[in-house]
């Protein structure tokens, strides 16, 4: 399964390099256990996908798939999104499966929609006991793709009024998980009427999301 995942990514990148038609790429949202509302912000990923397809020239399927942490189907997706409002837990087998997925070249994007922070840290410690989240420096390439963010991840929602922070898990020199805290760029991807964010804030959120997608697709 891991070998298949690497081959799928390699073929996509070769075709992209030669500007040949490619099969549609799919990204996924993780349906996790714990009651932390894994399904919140339902318009967020479709809007981000549409923005990336228009502005980055990607060919991502218009709607995300849903994948569970212990499913072997997770290896079909170069990008898996996690969001919610509280408790998230992984069993030992789920943590092992996620670890294998990330080591094989996968990527987790975690959006704290509010209240996830202590639970995310515990859950991901189960996946990578040897790693800790580190705050990414503003010079990190994830902030310098098509849309530069010289001050790091943008502040989209106030939450507790703390500064927005972008954290990462780095395995063997590769960023395998990006976690935005006190920022909630996922809510900024939603339809305008959902949160009534100013358009400039929505654009900031979409551009940061596009940078994450571009970084993930380019690092393989």
Protein backbone atom coordinates (compact mmCIF):
# COMPACT_ATOMS: atom_id res chain seq x y z
CA UNK A 1 0.00 0.00 0.00
CA UNK A 2 2.80 2.40 0.86
CA UNK A 3 4.59 1.60 -2.42
CA UNK A 4 1.34 2.23 -4.33
CA UNK A 5 0.92 5.60 -2.63
CA UNK A 6 4.45 6.70 -3.58
CA UNK A 7 3.92 5.57 -7.19
CA UNK A 8 0.62 7.51 -7.48
CA UNK A 9 2.30 10.72 -6.30
CA UNK A 10 5.33 10.18 -8.57
CA UNK A 11 3.18 9.69 -11.67
CA UNK A 12 1.14 12.81 -10.89
CA UNK A 13 4.29 14.90 -10.53
CA UNK A 14 5.86 13.60 -13.75
CA UNK A 15 2.73 14.39 -15.73
CA UNK A 16 2.52 17.83 -14.14
CA UNK A 17 6.14 18.60 -15.03
CA UNK A 18 5.42 17.92 -18.71
CA UNK A 19 2.09 19.81 -18.64
CA UNK A 20 0.22 16.69 -19.69
CA UNK A 21 -3.39 16.00 -18.67
CA UNK A 22 -3.50 14.40 -15.25
CA UNK A 23 -6.07 12.36 -13.42
CA UNK A 24 -8.04 14.31 -10.88
CA UNK A 25 -6.36 14.37 -7.49
CA UNK A 26 -8.51 13.94 -4.41
CA UNK A 27 -8.01 15.28 -0.91
CA UNK A 28 -9.79 14.07 2.20
CA UNK A 29 -11.23 15.10 5.55
CA UNK A 30 -10.61 12.79 8.50
CA UNK A 31 -13.58 11.38 10.41
CA UNK A 32 -12.01 10.82 13.81
CA UNK A 33 -13.42 9.63 17.15
CA UNK A 34 -13.82 11.67 20.30
CA UNK A 35 -16.83 13.89 19.61
CA UNK A 36 -14.89 16.93 18.43
CA UNK A 37 -17.18 17.71 15.47
CA UNK A 38 -14.94 16.43 12.66
CA UNK A 39 -17.59 17.59 10.15
CA UNK A 40 -17.62 21.34 10.99
CA UNK A 41 -17.17 23.97 8.27
CA UNK A 42 -18.67 21.87 5.44
CA UNK A 43 -18.13 24.53 2.76
CA UNK A 44 -14.49 25.11 3.64
CA UNK A 45 -12.66 22.47 1.60
CA UNK A 46 -14.81 22.80 -1.55
CA UNK A 47 -14.10 26.54 -1.54
CA UNK A 48 -10.39 26.02 -0.99
CA UNK A 49 -10.30 23.43 -3.76
CA UNK A 50 -12.05 25.80 -6.19
CA UNK A 51 -9.60 28.58 -5.25
CA UNK A 52 -6.58 26.31 -5.83
CA UNK A 53 -7.89 24.95 -9.12
CA UNK A 54 -8.47 28.50 -10.37
CA UNK A 55 -5.32 30.17 -9.04
CA UNK A 56 -2.73 27.38 -8.82
CA UNK A 57 -3.81 25.35 -11.83
CA UNK A 58 -4.36 22.23 -9.74
CA UNK A 59 -6.81 19.54 -10.79
CA UNK A 60 -8.37 18.58 -7.46
CA UNK A 61 -11.80 16.92 -7.35
CA UNK A 62 -14.37 19.55 -6.32
CA UNK A 63 -15.46 17.84 -3.10
CA UNK A 64 -13.33 16.15 -0.48
CA UNK A 65 -13.64 12.50 0.42
CA UNK A 66 -14.05 11.35 4.02
CA UNK A 67 -11.50 8.93 5.43
CA UNK A 68 -11.22 7.24 8.82
CA UNK A 69 -7.90 7.09 10.68
CA UNK A 70 -7.53 3.31 10.49
CA UNK A 71 -8.57 2.98 6.84
CA UNK A 72 -6.05 1.87 4.23
CA UNK A 73 -7.81 4.26 1.87
CA UNK A 74 -5.92 7.10 3.55
CA UNK A 75 -2.94 6.19 1.35
CA UNK A 76 -4.90 7.40 -1.69
CA UNK A 77 -4.72 11.04 -0.55
CA UNK A 78 -1.66 13.32 -0.57
CA UNK A 79 -3.47 15.75 1.77
CA UNK A 80 -5.78 14.94 4.70
CA UNK A 81 -7.55 17.70 6.61
CA UNK A 82 -8.52 17.56 10.29
CA UNK A 83 -10.69 20.17 11.98
CA UNK A 84 -13.11 20.41 14.88
CA UNK A 85 -14.06 21.92 18.21
CA UNK A 86 -12.71 19.69 20.92
CA UNK A 87 -11.84 16.10 21.73
CA UNK A 88 -9.98 14.01 19.16
CA UNK A 89 -8.65 10.55 19.98
CA UNK A 90 -6.75 7.83 18.13
CA UNK A 91 -6.58 4.17 19.07
CA UNK A 92 -3.22 2.45 18.88
CA UNK A 93 -4.06 0.91 15.49
CA UNK A 94 -5.31 4.26 14.16
CA UNK A 95 -2.14 6.01 15.33
CA UNK A 96 0.01 3.34 13.69
CA UNK A 97 -1.89 3.67 10.40
CA UNK A 98 -1.57 7.48 10.41
CA UNK A 99 2.13 7.18 11.21
CA UNK A 100 2.67 4.81 8.29
CA UNK A 101 0.74 7.14 6.00
CA UNK A 102 2.81 10.16 7.00
CA UNK A 103 6.13 8.32 6.77
CA UNK A 104 5.13 7.13 3.29
CA UNK A 105 4.73 10.72 2.09
CA UNK A 106 1.29 11.77 3.29
CA UNK A 107 0.43 15.06 4.94
CA UNK A 108 -1.94 16.12 7.72
CA UNK A 109 -3.32 19.64 7.86
CA UNK A 110 -4.89 20.36 11.26
CA UNK A 111 -7.16 23.37 11.74
CA UNK A 112 -8.13 24.22 15.32
CA UNK A 113 -11.68 25.45 14.85
CA UNK A 114 -11.61 26.08 18.61
CA UNK A 115 -10.86 23.95 21.63
CA UNK A 116 -8.79 21.23 19.96
CA UNK A 117 -5.34 22.22 21.16
CA UNK A 118 -4.78 19.98 24.20
CA UNK A 119 -6.38 16.98 22.50
CA UNK A 120 -4.55 17.38 19.19
CA UNK A 121 -1.22 17.39 20.99
CA UNK A 122 -2.03 14.20 22.89
CA UNK A 123 -3.41 12.47 19.79
CA UNK A 124 -0.42 13.31 17.61
CA UNK A 125 1.99 12.32 20.41
CA UNK A 126 0.48 8.86 20.07
CA UNK A 127 1.32 8.93 16.34
CA UNK A 128 4.87 10.23 16.82
CA UNK A 129 5.95 9.68 20.45
CA UNK A 130 9.45 10.88 19.56
CA UNK A 131 8.32 14.22 18.09
CA UNK A 132 6.98 17.48 19.51
CA UNK A 133 5.17 20.23 17.68
CA UNK A 134 7.54 23.10 16.94
CA UNK A 135 6.49 26.59 15.96
CA UNK A 136 7.57 27.05 12.37
CA UNK A 137 9.76 30.08 11.70
CA UNK A 138 8.36 32.75 9.40
CA UNK A 139 11.08 31.80 6.93
CA UNK A 140 9.65 28.30 6.46
CA UNK A 141 8.76 27.53 2.81
CA UNK A 142 5.11 26.83 3.68
CA UNK A 143 4.71 30.59 4.20
CA UNK A 144 6.48 31.47 0.95
CA UNK A 145 4.66 29.76 -1.88
CA UNK A 146 2.62 31.69 -4.47
CA UNK A 147 1.27 33.98 -1.75
CA UNK A 148 3.98 35.15 0.68
CA UNK A 149 3.11 35.39 4.38
CA UNK A 150 6.22 37.03 5.86
CA UNK A 151 4.62 37.11 9.32
CA UNK A 152 3.49 33.51 9.30
CA UNK A 153 -0.04 32.15 9.47
CA UNK A 154 -2.68 34.94 9.33
CA UNK A 155 -5.12 35.65 12.15
CA UNK A 156 -8.61 34.97 10.80
CA UNK A 157 -10.76 34.49 13.93
CA UNK A 158 -10.17 35.95 17.37
CA UNK A 159 -11.02 32.95 19.57
CA UNK A 160 -9.11 33.76 22.79
CA UNK A 161 -7.32 36.78 21.36
CA UNK A 162 -3.96 35.02 21.29
CA UNK A 163 -1.57 35.43 18.35
CA UNK A 164 -1.96 33.05 15.43
CA UNK A 165 0.68 30.33 15.35
CA UNK A 166 1.70 27.67 12.85
CA UNK A 167 3.15 24.49 14.32
CA UNK A 168 4.65 21.49 12.59
CA UNK A 169 5.80 17.93 13.12
CA UNK A 170 9.03 17.23 11.26
CA UNK A 171 10.02 13.63 10.57
CA UNK A 172 13.45 12.95 9.05
CA UNK A 173 13.67 16.54 7.88
CA UNK A 174 10.22 16.61 6.25
CA UNK A 175 7.20 18.53 7.48
CA UNK A 176 4.50 15.84 7.78
CA UNK A 177 1.87 17.78 9.75
CA UNK A 178 0.94 21.45 9.81
CA UNK A 179 -1.23 22.70 12.68
CA UNK A 180 -2.66 26.21 12.83
CA UNK A 181 -3.65 27.46 16.29
CA UNK A 182 -5.61 30.59 17.30
CA UNK A 183 -6.10 31.32 13.61
CA UNK A 184 -8.87 29.10 12.20
CA UNK A 185 -8.11 29.57 8.53
CA UNK A 186 -10.64 26.79 7.84
CA UNK A 187 -13.52 29.02 8.92
CA UNK A 188 -12.12 31.67 6.60
CA UNK A 189 -12.52 29.25 3.69
CA UNK A 190 -16.26 28.94 4.28
CA UNK A 191 -19.01 30.64 2.29
CA UNK A 192 -19.08 34.40 3.02
CA UNK A 193 -22.48 34.32 4.75
CA UNK A 194 -21.41 31.70 7.30
CA UNK A 195 -19.12 33.90 9.39
CA UNK A 196 -19.53 37.21 7.58
CA UNK A 197 -15.77 37.68 7.51
CA UNK A 198 -14.48 40.72 5.62
CA UNK A 199 -13.48 39.74 2.09
CA UNK A 200 -9.84 40.59 2.76
CA UNK A 201 -9.83 38.07 5.64
CA UNK A 202 -11.39 35.37 3.45
CA UNK A 203 -8.77 36.02 0.80
CA UNK A 204 -5.98 35.78 3.38
CA UNK A 205 -7.36 32.44 4.57
CA UNK A 206 -7.77 31.07 1.05
CA UNK A 207 -4.29 32.19 0.02
CA UNK A 208 -2.72 30.59 3.11
CA UNK A 209 -4.64 27.41 2.34
CA UNK A 210 -3.42 27.51 -1.25
CA UNK A 211 0.15 27.89 -0.01
CA UNK A 212 -0.28 24.76 2.12
CA UNK A 213 -1.65 22.81 -0.84
CA UNK A 214 1.14 24.04 -3.12
CA UNK A 215 3.79 23.20 -0.52
CA UNK A 216 2.41 19.69 -0.08
CA UNK A 217 2.18 18.99 -3.81
CA UNK A 218 5.67 20.35 -4.46
CA UNK A 219 7.48 18.51 -1.67
CA UNK A 220 6.96 15.00 -3.06
